Amino acid sequence: MISQTTQVDDLRLVALPSAVNCAEMFVRFALFEWSLRPLIEEATLVTRHIVKSSIAGATRSRPRFLTVRLRLHGDCVVIELDDDRPGEPPELEGWTISAVSLPDGRRNVWIELPLPTGMTAALPRRSPGRSPVAEISPGSEETSDSQILHRVLYGLNRSANG
């Protein structure tokens, strides 16, 4: 088993309701790029849950920030959320959600999702070149990557107008 982090991505968001959709799209896109499609539904479920918990009570007049992070570590994907909410992690039936207090009243909440059977952290790696989304030429048939990109842009636009 590889016990080190081999891939990491994070996204900093304003703790408002739009953060839920943005975090979900971020998780879907990252796991798709890492060739971990079987984990997308579970990962978006738990991400949605911890982000909703983090933004509870947030207002536009007192904006807070949160960071959603995905780490490919050993034989699992770790979904983390850093925020400034004190206290225990939100419970989600069937899942173990852990938390630790950080300096300045911040906390780190995380969930570990096991990788599919036969896969290790060394396997799903991003290619060093441009993503397939960037390689699409005008007029070509849309791929799954371009559909994800359209969803991300639509969600961000909807959040900005909402």
N, C-alpha and C. Protein backbone atom coordinates (compact mmCIF):
# COMPACT_ATOMS: atom_id res chain seq x y z
N MET A 1 0.83 -1.19 0.00
CA MET A 1 0.00 0.00 0.00
C MET A 1 0.87 1.24 0.00
N ILE A 2 0.51 2.23 -0.78
CA ILE A 2 1.21 3.51 -0.81
C ILE A 2 0.61 4.37 0.30
N SER A 3 1.46 4.83 1.22
CA SER A 3 0.93 5.57 2.36
C SER A 3 1.15 7.08 2.25
N GLN A 4 1.46 7.56 1.07
CA GLN A 4 1.65 8.99 0.90
C GLN A 4 0.58 9.56 -0.03
N THR A 5 0.42 10.87 0.05
CA THR A 5 -0.53 11.54 -0.84
C THR A 5 0.10 11.62 -2.22
N THR A 6 -0.63 11.14 -3.23
CA THR A 6 -0.10 11.14 -4.58
C THR A 6 -0.79 12.16 -5.48
N GLN A 7 -1.90 12.69 -5.03
CA GLN A 7 -2.63 13.69 -5.81
C GLN A 7 -3.44 14.54 -4.83
N VAL A 8 -3.53 15.84 -5.08
CA VAL A 8 -4.32 16.71 -4.23
C VAL A 8 -4.85 17.87 -5.06
N ASP A 9 -6.09 18.25 -4.78
CA ASP A 9 -6.73 19.42 -5.37
C ASP A 9 -7.55 20.09 -4.29
N ASP A 10 -7.63 21.41 -4.31
CA ASP A 10 -8.50 22.08 -3.36
C ASP A 10 -9.18 23.27 -4.02
N LEU A 11 -10.24 23.72 -3.37
CA LEU A 11 -11.05 24.82 -3.86
C LEU A 11 -11.50 25.65 -2.67
N ARG A 12 -11.22 26.95 -2.69
CA ARG A 12 -11.64 27.85 -1.61
C ARG A 12 -12.93 28.54 -2.06
N LEU A 13 -13.91 28.53 -1.17
CA LEU A 13 -15.24 29.06 -1.48
C LEU A 13 -15.73 29.99 -0.39
N VAL A 14 -16.61 30.90 -0.75
CA VAL A 14 -17.32 31.71 0.23
C VAL A 14 -18.42 30.82 0.80
N ALA A 15 -18.59 30.84 2.10
CA ALA A 15 -19.55 29.96 2.78
C ALA A 15 -20.97 30.48 2.60
N LEU A 16 -21.49 30.33 1.39
CA LEU A 16 -22.86 30.69 1.05
C LEU A 16 -23.51 29.49 0.35
N PRO A 17 -24.82 29.48 0.18
CA PRO A 17 -25.48 28.33 -0.45
C PRO A 17 -24.90 27.92 -1.80
N SER A 18 -24.37 28.86 -2.57
CA SER A 18 -23.78 28.51 -3.86
C SER A 18 -22.56 27.59 -3.71
N ALA A 19 -21.96 27.56 -2.52
CA ALA A 19 -20.78 26.73 -2.28
C ALA A 19 -21.10 25.25 -2.42
N VAL A 20 -22.34 24.86 -2.13
CA VAL A 20 -22.72 23.44 -2.22
C VAL A 20 -22.59 22.96 -3.66
N ASN A 21 -23.18 23.69 -4.61
CA ASN A 21 -23.10 23.30 -6.03
C ASN A 21 -21.67 23.37 -6.54
N CYS A 22 -20.94 24.41 -6.17
CA CYS A 22 -19.56 24.55 -6.64
C CYS A 22 -18.68 23.41 -6.12
N ALA A 23 -18.85 23.05 -4.85
CA ALA A 23 -18.06 21.96 -4.27
C ALA A 23 -18.40 20.63 -4.94
N GLU A 24 -19.69 20.41 -5.21
CA GLU A 24 -20.09 19.17 -5.87
C GLU A 24 -19.48 19.08 -7.26
N MET A 25 -19.51 20.16 -8.02
CA MET A 25 -18.94 20.15 -9.37
C MET A 25 -17.42 19.95 -9.32
N PHE A 26 -16.78 20.56 -8.34
CA PHE A 26 -15.34 20.40 -8.15
C PHE A 26 -14.99 18.93 -7.91
N VAL A 27 -15.74 18.27 -7.03
CA VAL A 27 -15.48 16.86 -6.71
C VAL A 27 -15.72 15.99 -7.94
N ARG A 28 -16.82 16.21 -8.63
CA ARG A 28 -17.12 15.43 -9.84
C ARG A 28 -15.99 15.57 -10.87
N PHE A 29 -15.56 16.79 -11.12
CA PHE A 29 -14.54 17.03 -12.12
C PHE A 29 -13.21 16.40 -11.72
N ALA A 30 -12.78 16.58 -10.47
CA ALA A 30 -11.50 16.03 -10.02
C ALA A 30 -11.49 14.50 -10.09
N LEU A 31 -12.54 13.87 -9.61
CA LEU A 31 -12.58 12.40 -9.64
C LEU A 31 -12.67 11.87 -11.06
N PHE A 32 -13.34 12.59 -11.92
CA PHE A 32 -13.38 12.20 -13.33
C PHE A 32 -11.97 12.27 -13.92
N GLU A 33 -11.24 13.35 -13.64
CA GLU A 33 -9.87 13.49 -14.13
C GLU A 33 -8.94 12.44 -13.57
N TRP A 34 -9.17 12.01 -12.34
CA TRP A 34 -8.33 11.00 -11.70
C TRP A 34 -8.74 9.58 -12.08
N SER A 35 -9.69 9.45 -12.98
CA SER A 35 -10.21 8.14 -13.42
C SER A 35 -10.82 7.36 -12.26
N LEU A 36 -11.54 8.07 -11.40
CA LEU A 36 -12.20 7.45 -10.25
C LEU A 36 -13.71 7.63 -10.34
N ARG A 37 -14.26 7.41 -11.52
CA ARG A 37 -15.70 7.59 -11.74
C ARG A 37 -16.57 6.78 -10.78
N PRO A 38 -16.17 5.55 -10.39
CA PRO A 38 -17.03 4.80 -9.47
C PRO A 38 -17.26 5.48 -8.12
N LEU A 39 -16.40 6.41 -7.75
CA LEU A 39 -16.53 7.09 -6.45
C LEU A 39 -17.31 8.40 -6.51
N ILE A 40 -17.67 8.84 -7.70
CA ILE A 40 -18.26 10.17 -7.85
C ILE A 40 -19.55 10.33 -7.05
N GLU A 41 -20.46 9.39 -7.13
CA GLU A 41 -21.74 9.56 -6.43
C GLU A 41 -21.57 9.61 -4.91
N GLU A 42 -20.77 8.68 -4.36
CA GLU A 42 -20.53 8.69 -2.91
C GLU A 42 -19.82 9.97 -2.49
N ALA A 43 -18.82 10.36 -3.25
CA ALA A 43 -18.04 11.54 -2.91
C ALA A 43 -18.88 12.81 -2.95
N THR A 44 -19.75 12.94 -3.95
CA THR A 44 -20.58 14.14 -4.01
C THR A 44 -21.61 14.14 -2.88
N LEU A 45 -22.11 12.98 -2.49
CA LEU A 45 -23.06 12.89 -1.38
C LEU A 45 -22.43 13.42 -0.09
N VAL A 46 -21.24 12.92 0.26
CA VAL A 46 -20.62 13.34 1.51
C VAL A 46 -20.11 14.78 1.43
N THR A 47 -19.65 15.19 0.27
CA THR A 47 -19.20 16.58 0.11
C THR A 47 -20.37 17.53 0.30
N ARG A 48 -21.47 17.23 -0.34
CA ARG A 48 -22.68 18.07 -0.20
C ARG A 48 -23.07 18.17 1.28
N HIS A 49 -23.00 17.05 2.00
CA HIS A 49 -23.39 17.03 3.42
C HIS A 49 -22.46 17.91 4.27
N ILE A 50 -21.16 17.76 4.11
CA ILE A 50 -20.26 18.55 4.97
C ILE A 50 -20.24 20.02 4.59
N VAL A 51 -20.43 20.34 3.31
CA VAL A 51 -20.47 21.76 2.91
C VAL A 51 -21.76 22.40 3.43
N LYS A 52 -22.90 21.70 3.30
CA LYS A 52 -24.16 22.24 3.84
C LYS A 52 -24.03 22.52 5.33
N SER A 53 -23.39 21.62 6.04
CA SER A 53 -23.20 21.80 7.48
C SER A 53 -22.31 23.01 7.75
N SER A 54 -21.30 23.20 6.94
CA SER A 54 -20.36 24.30 7.14
C SER A 54 -21.00 25.66 6.88
N ILE A 55 -21.89 25.74 5.90
CA ILE A 55 -22.47 27.04 5.54
C ILE A 55 -23.69 27.39 6.39
N ALA A 56 -24.15 26.46 7.22
CA ALA A 56 -25.32 26.73 8.06
C ALA A 56 -25.08 27.99 8.90
N GLY A 57 -25.97 28.92 8.80
CA GLY A 57 -25.88 30.15 9.57
C GLY A 57 -25.05 31.24 8.93
N ALA A 58 -24.45 30.96 7.79
CA ALA A 58 -23.65 31.99 7.11
C ALA A 58 -24.58 33.00 6.44
N THR A 59 -24.14 34.24 6.42
CA THR A 59 -24.93 35.30 5.77
C THR A 59 -24.04 36.10 4.83
N ARG A 60 -24.66 36.77 3.88
CA ARG A 60 -23.90 37.60 2.94
C ARG A 60 -23.25 38.78 3.66
N SER A 61 -23.84 39.22 4.76
CA SER A 61 -23.28 40.37 5.47
C SER A 61 -22.05 39.99 6.31
N ARG A 62 -21.91 38.70 6.63
CA ARG A 62 -20.75 38.23 7.39
C ARG A 62 -20.15 37.02 6.68
N PRO A 63 -19.52 37.24 5.53
CA PRO A 63 -19.01 36.10 4.76
C PRO A 63 -17.87 35.39 5.48
N ARG A 64 -17.89 34.09 5.37
CA ARG A 64 -16.81 33.24 5.87
C ARG A 64 -16.28 32.48 4.66
N PHE A 65 -15.18 31.81 4.85
CA PHE A 65 -14.60 31.01 3.78
C PHE A 65 -14.46 29.57 4.23
N LEU A 66 -14.44 28.68 3.25
CA LEU A 66 -14.18 27.28 3.51
C LEU A 66 -13.34 26.75 2.37
N THR A 67 -12.60 25.71 2.64
CA THR A 67 -11.78 25.07 1.61
C THR A 67 -12.17 23.61 1.53
N VAL A 68 -12.49 23.16 0.32
CA VAL A 68 -12.77 21.75 0.06
C VAL A 68 -11.51 21.18 -0.59
N ARG A 69 -11.04 20.05 -0.08
CA ARG A 69 -9.80 19.45 -0.59
C ARG A 69 -10.03 17.96 -0.84
N LEU A 70 -9.50 17.49 -1.96
CA LEU A 70 -9.50 16.06 -2.28
C LEU A 70 -8.06 15.60 -2.28
N ARG A 71 -7.80 14.49 -1.58
CA ARG A 71 -6.46 13.92 -1.55
C ARG A 71 -6.56 12.44 -1.90
N LEU A 72 -5.70 12.01 -2.78
CA LEU A 72 -5.57 10.60 -3.08
C LEU A 72 -4.44 10.11 -2.19
N HIS A 73 -4.77 9.28 -1.22
CA HIS A 73 -3.81 8.91 -0.18
C HIS A 73 -3.94 7.42 0.11
N GLY A 74 -2.86 6.68 -0.11
CA GLY A 74 -2.88 5.25 0.17
C GLY A 74 -3.92 4.54 -0.65
N ASP A 75 -4.84 3.89 0.02
CA ASP A 75 -5.89 3.15 -0.68
C ASP A 75 -7.25 3.85 -0.57
N CYS A 76 -7.23 5.19 -0.44
CA CYS A 76 -8.50 5.91 -0.31
C CYS A 76 -8.40 7.32 -0.89
N VAL A 77 -9.57 7.89 -1.11
CA VAL A 77 -9.69 9.31 -1.44
C VAL A 77 -10.17 9.98 -0.16
N VAL A 78 -9.47 11.02 0.25
CA VAL A 78 -9.84 11.76 1.45
C VAL A 78 -10.50 13.05 1.02
N ILE A 79 -11.72 13.27 1.51
CA ILE A 79 -12.44 14.52 1.25
C ILE A 79 -12.33 15.34 2.52
N GLU A 80 -11.74 16.52 2.41
CA GLU A 80 -11.53 17.38 3.57
C GLU A 80 -12.27 18.70 3.40
N LEU A 81 -12.62 19.29 4.52
CA LEU A 81 -13.21 20.62 4.53
C LEU A 81 -12.58 21.39 5.68
N ASP A 82 -11.97 22.53 5.37
CA ASP A 82 -11.44 23.43 6.40
C ASP A 82 -12.40 24.59 6.50
N ASP A 83 -12.83 24.91 7.72
CA ASP A 83 -13.72 26.05 7.93
C ASP A 83 -13.46 26.66 9.29
N ASP A 84 -14.25 27.66 9.65
CA ASP A 84 -14.07 28.33 10.93
C ASP A 84 -15.21 28.03 11.89
N ARG A 85 -15.81 26.87 11.73
CA ARG A 85 -16.90 26.46 12.62
C ARG A 85 -16.33 25.58 13.72
N PRO A 86 -16.56 25.93 14.96
CA PRO A 86 -16.08 25.07 16.04
C PRO A 86 -17.00 23.86 16.19
N GLY A 87 -16.52 22.88 16.90
CA GLY A 87 -17.38 21.76 17.25
C GLY A 87 -17.13 20.49 16.48
N GLU A 88 -18.01 19.57 16.75
CA GLU A 88 -17.92 18.22 16.18
C GLU A 88 -18.31 18.22 14.71
N PRO A 89 -17.85 17.20 14.00
CA PRO A 89 -18.23 17.10 12.59
C PRO A 89 -19.70 16.73 12.44
N PRO A 90 -20.30 17.06 11.31
CA PRO A 90 -21.69 16.69 11.08
C PRO A 90 -21.81 15.19 10.90
N GLU A 91 -22.85 14.60 11.46
CA GLU A 91 -23.05 13.15 11.33
C GLU A 91 -23.76 12.85 10.03
N LEU A 92 -23.40 11.71 9.43
CA LEU A 92 -24.05 11.22 8.23
C LEU A 92 -24.13 9.72 8.38
N GLU A 93 -25.34 9.20 8.43
CA GLU A 93 -25.55 7.78 8.67
C GLU A 93 -24.78 6.93 7.66
N GLY A 94 -24.03 5.96 8.20
CA GLY A 94 -23.25 5.06 7.36
C GLY A 94 -21.84 5.54 7.06
N TRP A 95 -21.48 6.73 7.53
CA TRP A 95 -20.17 7.29 7.25
C TRP A 95 -19.48 7.70 8.54
N THR A 96 -18.16 7.59 8.57
CA THR A 96 -17.38 8.08 9.69
C THR A 96 -16.77 9.40 9.27
N ILE A 97 -17.21 10.47 9.91
CA ILE A 97 -16.69 11.80 9.62
C ILE A 97 -15.87 12.23 10.83
N SER A 98 -14.63 12.59 10.59
CA SER A 98 -13.72 12.97 11.66
C SER A 98 -13.45 14.47 11.60
N ALA A 99 -12.98 15.02 12.72
CA ALA A 99 -12.65 16.45 12.76
C ALA A 99 -11.52 16.69 13.75
N VAL A 100 -10.77 17.72 13.49
CA VAL A 100 -9.72 18.16 14.41
C VAL A 100 -9.75 19.68 14.43
N SER A 101 -9.54 20.25 15.63
CA SER A 101 -9.49 21.71 15.76
C SER A 101 -8.13 22.22 15.31
N LEU A 102 -8.15 23.31 14.58
CA LEU A 102 -6.93 23.94 14.08
C LEU A 102 -6.73 25.27 14.81
N PRO A 103 -5.54 25.87 14.69
CA PRO A 103 -5.32 27.18 15.33
C PRO A 103 -6.33 28.22 14.84
N ASP A 104 -6.54 29.23 15.63
CA ASP A 104 -7.41 30.36 15.30
C ASP A 104 -8.88 29.95 15.17
N GLY A 105 -9.31 28.93 15.87
CA GLY A 105 -10.71 28.54 15.87
C GLY A 105 -11.18 27.82 14.62
N ARG A 106 -10.28 27.39 13.79
CA ARG A 106 -10.66 26.67 12.56
C ARG A 106 -10.72 25.18 12.86
N ARG A 107 -11.31 24.44 11.92
CA ARG A 107 -11.33 22.99 12.06
C ARG A 107 -11.14 22.35 10.69
N ASN A 108 -10.73 21.09 10.73
CA ASN A 108 -10.58 20.29 9.53
C ASN A 108 -11.47 19.07 9.71
N VAL A 109 -12.40 18.90 8.77
CA VAL A 109 -13.33 17.76 8.77
C VAL A 109 -12.93 16.88 7.59
N TRP A 110 -12.93 15.55 7.79
CA TRP A 110 -12.57 14.69 6.68
C TRP A 110 -13.31 13.36 6.71
N ILE A 111 -13.38 12.78 5.51
CA ILE A 111 -14.02 11.48 5.28
C ILE A 111 -13.11 10.72 4.33
N GLU A 112 -12.91 9.44 4.59
CA GLU A 112 -12.09 8.61 3.71
C GLU A 112 -12.99 7.65 2.94
N LEU A 113 -12.84 7.66 1.61
CA LEU A 113 -13.58 6.74 0.75
C LEU A 113 -12.58 5.73 0.20
N PRO A 114 -12.78 4.43 0.44
CA PRO A 114 -11.85 3.44 -0.09
C PRO A 114 -11.87 3.42 -1.62
N LEU A 115 -10.70 3.21 -2.20
CA LEU A 115 -10.60 3.09 -3.66
C LEU A 115 -11.24 1.78 -4.11
N PRO A 116 -11.73 1.74 -5.34
CA PRO A 116 -12.30 0.50 -5.87
C PRO A 116 -11.28 -0.65 -5.81
N THR A 117 -11.75 -1.86 -5.70
CA THR A 117 -10.90 -3.04 -5.60
C THR A 117 -9.89 -3.08 -6.75
N GLY A 118 -8.65 -3.35 -6.40
CA GLY A 118 -7.60 -3.46 -7.39
C GLY A 118 -6.94 -2.15 -7.77
N MET A 119 -7.39 -1.05 -7.23
CA MET A 119 -6.83 0.25 -7.57
C MET A 119 -6.04 0.78 -6.38
N THR A 120 -4.91 1.40 -6.66
CA THR A 120 -4.11 2.02 -5.60
C THR A 120 -3.91 3.49 -5.93
N ALA A 121 -3.37 4.21 -4.99
CA ALA A 121 -3.14 5.64 -5.19
C ALA A 121 -2.14 5.91 -6.30
N ALA A 122 -1.37 4.92 -6.69
CA ALA A 122 -0.39 5.11 -7.75
C ALA A 122 -1.02 5.06 -9.14
N LEU A 123 -2.22 4.52 -9.28
CA LEU A 123 -2.82 4.32 -10.60
C LEU A 123 -3.47 5.56 -11.19
N PRO A 124 -4.47 6.15 -10.56
CA PRO A 124 -5.15 7.27 -11.22
C PRO A 124 -4.33 8.54 -11.12
N ARG A 125 -3.69 8.92 -12.20
CA ARG A 125 -2.86 10.12 -12.23
C ARG A 125 -3.28 11.00 -13.38
N ARG A 126 -3.19 12.29 -13.20
CA ARG A 126 -3.46 13.21 -14.29
C ARG A 126 -2.33 13.12 -15.30
N SER A 127 -2.67 13.28 -16.53
CA SER A 127 -1.63 13.35 -17.55
C SER A 127 -0.98 14.72 -17.46
N PRO A 128 0.31 14.82 -17.79
CA PRO A 128 0.99 16.10 -17.65
C PRO A 128 0.56 17.15 -18.66
N GLY A 129 -0.06 16.74 -19.75
CA GLY A 129 -0.47 17.69 -20.79
C GLY A 129 -1.80 18.32 -20.48
N ARG A 130 -2.36 18.94 -21.48
CA ARG A 130 -3.66 19.60 -21.36
C ARG A 130 -4.74 18.53 -21.18
N SER A 131 -5.80 18.90 -20.51
CA SER A 131 -6.91 17.97 -20.32
C SER A 131 -7.64 17.79 -21.64
N PRO A 132 -8.39 16.69 -21.77
CA PRO A 132 -9.15 16.47 -23.00
C PRO A 132 -10.14 17.60 -23.29
N VAL A 133 -10.62 18.29 -22.24
CA VAL A 133 -11.54 19.40 -22.44
C VAL A 133 -10.87 20.50 -23.25
N ALA A 134 -9.60 20.75 -22.98
CA ALA A 134 -8.88 21.80 -23.69
C ALA A 134 -8.57 21.42 -25.13
N GLU A 135 -8.59 20.14 -25.44
CA GLU A 135 -8.25 19.67 -26.78
C GLU A 135 -9.43 19.61 -27.74
N ILE A 136 -10.64 19.88 -27.26
CA ILE A 136 -11.81 19.78 -28.10
C ILE A 136 -11.79 20.90 -29.13
N SER A 137 -11.96 20.54 -30.38
CA SER A 137 -11.98 21.56 -31.43
C SER A 137 -13.42 21.98 -31.70
N PRO A 138 -13.62 23.20 -32.20
CA PRO A 138 -14.98 23.66 -32.48
C PRO A 138 -15.67 22.72 -33.46
N GLY A 139 -16.93 22.46 -33.20
CA GLY A 139 -17.73 21.61 -34.08
C GLY A 139 -17.57 20.13 -33.80
N SER A 140 -16.67 19.74 -32.89
CA SER A 140 -16.52 18.31 -32.61
C SER A 140 -17.64 17.85 -31.69
N GLU A 141 -17.86 16.57 -31.68
CA GLU A 141 -18.90 15.99 -30.84
C GLU A 141 -18.52 16.17 -29.37
N GLU A 142 -19.49 16.52 -28.53
CA GLU A 142 -19.20 16.73 -27.12
C GLU A 142 -18.88 15.42 -26.43
N THR A 143 -17.87 15.45 -25.55
CA THR A 143 -17.50 14.28 -24.77
C THR A 143 -18.00 14.48 -23.35
N SER A 144 -17.79 13.47 -22.53
CA SER A 144 -18.18 13.57 -21.13
C SER A 144 -17.44 14.72 -20.45
N ASP A 145 -16.16 14.92 -20.79
CA ASP A 145 -15.40 16.03 -20.20
C ASP A 145 -16.04 17.37 -20.52
N SER A 146 -16.44 17.57 -21.76
CA SER A 146 -17.02 18.86 -22.12
C SER A 146 -18.38 19.04 -21.46
N GLN A 147 -19.10 17.95 -21.24
CA GLN A 147 -20.38 18.06 -20.55
C GLN A 147 -20.16 18.48 -19.10
N ILE A 148 -19.12 17.96 -18.47
CA ILE A 148 -18.80 18.37 -17.10
C ILE A 148 -18.43 19.84 -17.08
N LEU A 149 -17.61 20.27 -18.03
CA LEU A 149 -17.22 21.67 -18.09
C LEU A 149 -18.44 22.57 -18.27
N HIS A 150 -19.37 22.17 -19.12
CA HIS A 150 -20.59 22.96 -19.30
C HIS A 150 -21.37 23.05 -18.00
N ARG A 151 -21.45 21.95 -17.25
CA ARG A 151 -22.16 21.96 -15.96
C ARG A 151 -21.48 22.90 -14.97
N VAL A 152 -20.15 22.87 -14.95
CA VAL A 152 -19.41 23.76 -14.04
C VAL A 152 -19.70 25.21 -14.39
N LEU A 153 -19.59 25.55 -15.66
CA LEU A 153 -19.83 26.94 -16.08
C LEU A 153 -21.27 27.35 -15.82
N TYR A 154 -22.23 26.47 -16.10
CA TYR A 154 -23.64 26.77 -15.85
C TYR A 154 -23.87 27.00 -14.36
N GLY A 155 -23.30 26.12 -13.51
CA GLY A 155 -23.47 26.25 -12.07
C GLY A 155 -22.85 27.54 -11.53
N LEU A 156 -21.69 27.89 -12.02
CA LEU A 156 -21.05 29.12 -11.57
C LEU A 156 -21.84 30.33 -12.01
N ASN A 157 -22.34 30.32 -13.24
CA ASN A 157 -23.15 31.42 -13.74
C ASN A 157 -24.44 31.55 -12.94
N ARG A 158 -25.09 30.41 -12.66
CA ARG A 158 -26.33 30.42 -11.89
C ARG A 158 -26.07 30.97 -10.47
N SER A 159 -24.94 30.61 -9.88
CA SER A 159 -24.61 31.09 -8.54
C SER A 159 -24.35 32.59 -8.53
N ALA A 160 -23.70 33.09 -9.58
CA ALA A 160 -23.39 34.52 -9.66
C ALA A 160 -24.64 35.36 -9.85
N ASN A 161 -25.65 34.79 -10.51
CA ASN A 161 -26.89 35.53 -10.77
C ASN A 161 -27.92 35.34 -9.67
N GLY A 162 -27.67 34.40 -8.76
CA GLY A 162 -28.67 34.07 -7.74
C GLY A 162 -28.60 34.83 -6.53
